[in-house]
Amino acid sequence: MNRKLVMKLCLISLLIVFAVLLMGCSNESENNSSETIEKQNAVLEQPSGLVDGFPKGFPFFKGSEVMECENYGDSSFTLIFTVNEDFEKVLDFYMNYFEDADSYMESDGESYFEGYQGNGFYLKGLTITDNGSNTMVYAVIDSDEVISNIDSNESEEVDYSSDVMTYDTAVVEALSDNYPSDVVPIYPDAKVIACSLAPSGSGFVNLILPYDGYDSCVSYYQEIFGEEGDSYETQIMKSVSFAGTKEDYRYTVSIGHQMANNDPLVVITVDK
């Protein structure tokens, strides 16, 4: 699939993993068809290494090995796991399961899904990466507890705009000591809002920028990587993405700004 074309279909959705409070989680669940039942039945036995409360309905590819699973906030989770199987087979599995996801993005050796309400969980974001020797999956999800709280609040006509994370209200997370800053430096004015790394240094970091910080952040990474990056812009959103290898790491950096209400976000992945 042509990378530029796919970017036009989803783009900024790659970058709103933490910025919006499940704005899409009420996707008309009237589609309780036999297809949905098949997806629920496709959920395989959960691997070891998951934290207490992790949604039992989340689908794991057979043979998944959990590298890291952490709980944050109220019943929300970050997850990294590997599969000793071909990237294309793992991708096909999740393409079938998340075919109704709000957004999908594909590039060389990496695919991303966002926005899917499943059997007891809501998928905020899932990235599948081809590591060569195996396939690595990163996910950020909420449990049905979060979903049910939002569903009950919807009947009270709650204004969700007050729950959108901003640069000023963001809770800063500590950057792991083993993050490879020499491979992908953290933009100086950014705040780290999520960081999940395996002992090797592989994992992801999410950043939030001041509202007017998009252009300077893009320029910063253009200078760091020595390239313009893949860019796309409409009247309401813009995004620039970088991908490459350095010092035995594969990296991706995606910078996006949904200009109406949200502060810019940066999603960084590093794989060793």
Protein backbone atom coordinates (compact mmCIF):
# COMPACT_ATOMS: atom_id res chain seq x y z
CA MET A 1 0.00 0.00 0.00
CA ASN A 2 1.31 3.47 -0.90
CA ARG A 3 2.60 5.12 2.24
CA LYS A 4 1.55 8.63 1.30
CA LEU A 5 -2.00 7.52 0.54
CA VAL A 6 -2.35 5.71 3.85
CA MET A 7 -1.04 8.75 5.74
CA LYS A 8 -3.82 10.82 4.21
CA LEU A 9 -6.41 8.42 5.63
CA CYS A 10 -5.35 8.51 9.25
CA LEU A 11 -2.35 10.72 9.91
CA ILE A 12 -2.97 12.69 13.03
CA SER A 13 -4.91 9.88 14.68
CA LEU A 14 -1.55 8.22 15.24
CA LEU A 15 -0.74 11.04 17.61
CA ILE A 16 -3.81 11.38 19.81
CA VAL A 17 -3.32 8.27 21.91
CA PHE A 18 -3.42 10.26 25.14
CA ALA A 19 -4.90 13.62 24.15
CA VAL A 20 -8.62 12.82 23.86
CA LEU A 21 -10.73 11.08 26.52
CA LEU A 22 -12.16 8.25 24.44
CA MET A 23 -14.11 10.54 22.16
CA GLY A 24 -14.71 7.68 19.76
CA CYS A 25 -15.52 4.95 22.22
CA SER A 26 -19.27 5.13 21.68
CA ASN A 27 -19.04 3.68 18.16
CA GLU A 28 -22.62 2.45 17.68
CA SER A 29 -22.29 -0.94 19.28
CA GLU A 30 -25.42 -2.01 17.46
CA ASN A 31 -23.17 -4.09 15.19
CA ASN A 32 -23.42 -7.11 17.47
CA SER A 33 -23.52 -9.35 14.45
CA SER A 34 -22.14 -12.84 14.02
CA GLU A 35 -18.94 -11.13 12.83
CA THR A 36 -18.53 -9.48 16.26
CA ILE A 37 -19.18 -12.80 17.99
CA GLU A 38 -16.49 -14.43 15.84
CA LYS A 39 -14.03 -11.76 16.91
CA GLN A 40 -14.86 -12.34 20.55
CA ASN A 41 -14.31 -16.05 20.11
CA ALA A 42 -10.98 -15.36 18.39
CA VAL A 43 -9.46 -14.06 21.65
CA LEU A 44 -6.75 -16.52 22.63
CA GLU A 45 -5.57 -17.53 26.10
CA GLN A 46 -3.73 -14.67 27.77
CA PRO A 47 0.02 -14.99 28.25
CA SER A 48 1.75 -14.62 31.60
CA GLY A 49 3.20 -11.29 32.67
CA LEU A 50 0.02 -9.19 32.59
CA VAL A 51 -0.82 -6.92 35.51
CA ASP A 52 -3.96 -7.41 37.59
CA GLY A 53 -7.09 -6.02 35.96
CA PHE A 54 -5.81 -6.29 32.41
CA PRO A 55 -8.84 -6.78 30.09
CA LYS A 56 -9.45 -10.46 29.45
CA GLY A 57 -10.99 -9.77 26.06
CA PHE A 58 -7.86 -8.33 24.45
CA PRO A 59 -6.72 -10.60 21.57
CA PHE A 60 -3.22 -12.07 21.75
CA PHE A 61 -1.62 -13.86 18.84
CA LYS A 62 -0.71 -17.45 19.75
CA GLY A 63 2.68 -17.64 21.43
CA SER A 64 2.81 -13.99 22.52
CA GLU A 65 5.45 -13.19 25.15
CA VAL A 66 4.83 -10.15 27.34
CA MET A 67 7.89 -7.93 27.74
CA GLU A 68 6.21 -5.23 29.76
CA CYS A 69 2.71 -4.44 31.04
CA GLU A 70 1.93 -1.44 33.21
CA ASN A 71 -1.18 0.14 34.68
CA TYR A 72 -1.64 3.91 34.60
CA GLY A 73 -4.53 6.14 35.65
CA ASP A 74 -7.89 4.49 36.17
CA SER A 75 -7.88 1.03 34.57
CA SER A 76 -5.70 2.02 31.62
CA PHE A 77 -2.73 -0.02 30.45
CA THR A 78 0.42 0.08 28.32
CA LEU A 79 1.65 -3.21 26.88
CA ILE A 80 4.67 -4.48 24.93
CA PHE A 81 4.84 -8.06 23.69
CA THR A 82 6.67 -10.06 21.05
CA VAL A 83 5.58 -12.88 18.77
CA ASN A 84 8.03 -15.36 17.25
CA GLU A 85 6.15 -15.32 13.99
CA ASP A 86 6.26 -13.60 10.62
CA PHE A 87 5.25 -9.90 10.67
CA GLU A 88 2.70 -10.46 7.89
CA LYS A 89 0.96 -13.27 9.81
CA VAL A 90 0.70 -11.18 12.95
CA LEU A 91 -0.51 -8.19 10.92
CA ASP A 92 -3.16 -10.32 9.17
CA PHE A 93 -4.44 -11.51 12.56
CA TYR A 94 -4.90 -7.96 13.86
CA MET A 95 -6.13 -6.62 10.51
CA ASN A 96 -8.96 -9.15 10.77
CA TYR A 97 -9.68 -8.38 14.41
CA PHE A 98 -9.43 -4.59 14.20
CA GLU A 99 -10.86 -4.15 10.70
CA ASP A 100 -13.46 -1.72 12.11
CA ALA A 101 -10.89 0.45 13.90
CA ASP A 102 -11.30 4.20 13.48
CA SER A 103 -7.87 4.61 11.91
CA TYR A 104 -5.14 2.53 10.30
CA MET A 105 -1.65 3.49 9.12
CA GLU A 106 0.99 1.42 7.34
CA SER A 107 4.65 2.01 6.51
CA ASP A 108 7.60 -0.25 5.77
CA GLY A 109 7.70 -2.89 8.50
CA GLU A 110 5.22 -1.13 10.76
CA SER A 111 1.44 -0.80 11.04
CA TYR A 112 -0.76 1.14 13.46
CA PHE A 113 -4.40 0.81 14.58
CA GLU A 114 -6.39 3.26 16.69
CA GLY A 115 -9.90 3.48 18.06
CA TYR A 116 -11.65 0.15 18.53
CA GLN A 117 -14.19 -0.85 21.17
CA GLY A 118 -13.89 -4.58 21.72
CA ASN A 119 -14.96 -7.25 24.16
CA GLY A 120 -14.37 -5.47 27.47
CA PHE A 121 -11.63 -3.10 26.25
CA TYR A 122 -11.10 0.03 24.17
CA LEU A 123 -8.03 0.21 21.93
CA LYS A 124 -6.39 3.64 22.05
CA GLY A 125 -3.46 2.62 19.89
CA LEU A 126 -1.61 -0.50 18.71
CA THR A 127 1.64 -0.57 16.73
CA ILE A 128 3.01 -3.73 15.09
CA THR A 129 6.70 -3.65 14.15
CA ASP A 130 8.79 -6.09 12.12
CA ASN A 131 11.93 -6.79 14.16
CA GLY A 132 13.34 -9.23 11.65
CA SER A 133 13.79 -12.12 14.09
CA ASN A 134 10.34 -11.59 15.58
CA THR A 135 7.37 -9.22 15.61
CA MET A 136 6.88 -6.62 18.36
CA VAL A 137 3.53 -5.17 19.39
CA TYR A 138 2.93 -2.03 21.47
CA ALA A 139 -0.55 -1.23 22.76
CA VAL A 140 -2.34 1.37 24.87
CA ILE A 141 -5.80 0.26 25.99
CA ASP A 142 -8.55 0.99 28.50
CA SER A 143 -10.60 -1.61 30.33
CA ASP A 144 -14.39 -1.88 30.32
CA GLU A 145 -14.40 -0.05 33.66
CA VAL A 146 -13.29 3.14 31.92
CA ILE A 147 -15.74 2.51 29.06
CA SER A 148 -18.69 1.98 31.40
CA ASN A 149 -17.83 5.14 33.33
CA ILE A 150 -17.83 7.17 30.13
CA ASP A 151 -21.02 5.51 28.84
CA SER A 152 -22.85 6.38 32.06
CA ASN A 153 -21.57 9.95 31.95
CA GLU A 154 -22.74 10.40 28.35
CA SER A 155 -26.36 10.32 29.49
CA GLU A 156 -25.57 13.29 31.74
CA GLU A 157 -24.27 15.29 28.76
CA VAL A 158 -20.84 15.80 30.25
CA ASP A 159 -18.55 18.26 28.49
CA TYR A 160 -15.51 16.15 27.60
CA SER A 161 -13.48 19.07 26.35
CA SER A 162 -12.38 19.76 29.92
CA ASP A 163 -10.78 16.29 30.01
CA VAL A 164 -8.57 16.81 26.97
CA MET A 165 -4.93 16.74 28.01
CA THR A 166 -3.03 19.97 27.38
CA TYR A 167 0.61 20.96 27.75
CA ASP A 168 -0.23 22.92 30.90
CA THR A 169 -2.28 20.16 32.54
CA ALA A 170 -0.18 17.18 31.46
CA VAL A 171 1.19 14.91 34.17
CA VAL A 172 4.87 14.44 33.41
CA GLU A 173 6.26 10.89 33.38
CA ALA A 174 9.88 10.07 34.09
CA LEU A 175 11.98 9.14 31.06
CA SER A 176 13.48 5.70 31.61
CA ASP A 177 17.22 5.65 32.26
CA ASN A 178 17.75 3.20 29.38
CA TYR A 179 16.04 5.39 26.78
CA PRO A 180 18.52 5.84 23.87
CA SER A 181 18.68 9.64 23.86
CA ASP A 182 21.66 9.54 21.53
CA VAL A 183 19.48 7.81 18.91
CA VAL A 184 16.34 9.98 19.23
CA PRO A 185 16.83 13.00 21.50
CA ILE A 186 13.80 14.37 23.31
CA TYR A 187 12.74 17.77 22.02
CA PRO A 188 13.81 20.24 24.78
CA ASP A 189 10.43 21.96 25.29
CA ALA A 190 8.42 18.71 25.26
CA LYS A 191 6.86 17.01 28.28
CA VAL A 192 7.01 13.21 28.53
CA ILE A 193 3.46 11.92 29.07
CA ALA A 194 4.15 8.21 28.58
CA CYS A 195 7.27 6.06 28.53
CA SER A 196 7.39 2.28 28.26
CA LEU A 197 10.71 0.60 27.50
CA ALA A 198 12.01 -2.95 27.67
CA PRO A 199 15.44 -3.59 29.28
CA SER A 200 17.02 -3.45 25.81
CA GLY A 201 15.76 0.11 25.34
CA SER A 202 13.05 -0.87 22.85
CA GLY A 203 9.66 0.71 23.39
CA PHE A 204 7.80 3.97 22.97
CA VAL A 205 7.70 7.50 24.37
CA ASN A 206 4.85 9.97 23.95
CA LEU A 207 5.43 13.72 24.24
CA ILE A 208 3.18 16.77 24.37
CA LEU A 209 4.25 20.19 23.11
CA PRO A 210 3.15 23.78 23.74
CA TYR A 211 0.35 24.78 21.36
CA ASP A 212 2.74 26.81 19.18
CA GLY A 213 5.58 24.27 19.39
CA TYR A 214 4.82 22.18 16.29
CA ASP A 215 7.00 24.00 13.73
CA SER A 216 10.03 24.34 16.00
CA CYS A 217 9.78 20.66 16.96
CA VAL A 218 9.62 19.62 13.30
CA SER A 219 12.67 21.78 12.54
CA TYR A 220 14.51 20.24 15.49
CA TYR A 221 14.03 16.67 14.24
CA GLN A 222 14.70 17.65 10.62
CA GLU A 223 18.10 18.89 11.77
CA ILE A 224 18.66 15.80 13.95
CA PHE A 225 17.84 13.31 11.18
CA GLY A 226 19.04 15.37 8.20
CA GLU A 227 15.80 14.94 6.24
CA GLU A 228 12.48 16.70 5.69
CA GLY A 229 10.32 13.74 6.78
CA ASP A 230 6.96 12.62 5.36
CA SER A 231 4.46 15.45 5.75
CA TYR A 232 0.77 16.00 5.18
CA GLU A 233 -1.50 18.95 5.93
CA THR A 234 -5.18 19.85 5.68
CA GLN A 235 -7.17 22.80 7.01
CA ILE A 236 -7.55 21.12 10.41
CA MET A 237 -4.47 18.98 10.90
CA LYS A 238 -0.84 18.52 9.97
CA SER A 239 1.77 15.85 10.57
CA VAL A 240 5.42 15.03 9.86
CA SER A 241 6.94 11.56 10.36
CA PHE A 242 10.52 10.31 10.34
CA ALA A 243 11.83 6.73 10.22
CA GLY A 244 15.30 5.26 10.03
CA THR A 245 18.06 3.27 11.71
CA LYS A 246 20.88 4.40 13.96
CA GLU A 247 23.27 2.55 16.29
CA ASP A 248 21.46 -0.80 15.96
CA TYR A 249 18.09 0.85 16.59
CA ARG A 250 15.14 1.31 14.27
CA TYR A 251 13.21 4.45 15.13
CA THR A 252 10.07 6.31 14.15
CA VAL A 253 9.13 9.83 15.18
CA SER A 254 5.67 11.20 14.37
CA ILE A 255 4.78 14.83 15.16
CA GLY A 256 1.19 15.93 14.76
CA HIS A 257 -1.13 18.80 15.50
CA GLN A 258 -4.92 18.70 15.32
CA MET A 259 -5.14 22.43 15.26
CA ALA A 260 -8.69 23.08 16.48
CA ASN A 261 -8.28 22.28 20.18
CA ASN A 262 -5.33 20.04 20.91
CA ASP A 263 -1.72 20.73 21.69
CA PRO A 264 0.79 19.01 19.37
CA LEU A 265 1.90 15.48 20.22
CA VAL A 266 4.98 13.41 19.39
CA VAL A 267 5.07 9.60 19.27
CA ILE A 268 8.52 7.99 19.34
CA THR A 269 9.22 4.27 18.92
CA VAL A 270 12.65 2.67 19.20
CA ASP A 271 13.44 -1.00 18.48
CA LYS A 272 16.78 -2.68 19.04
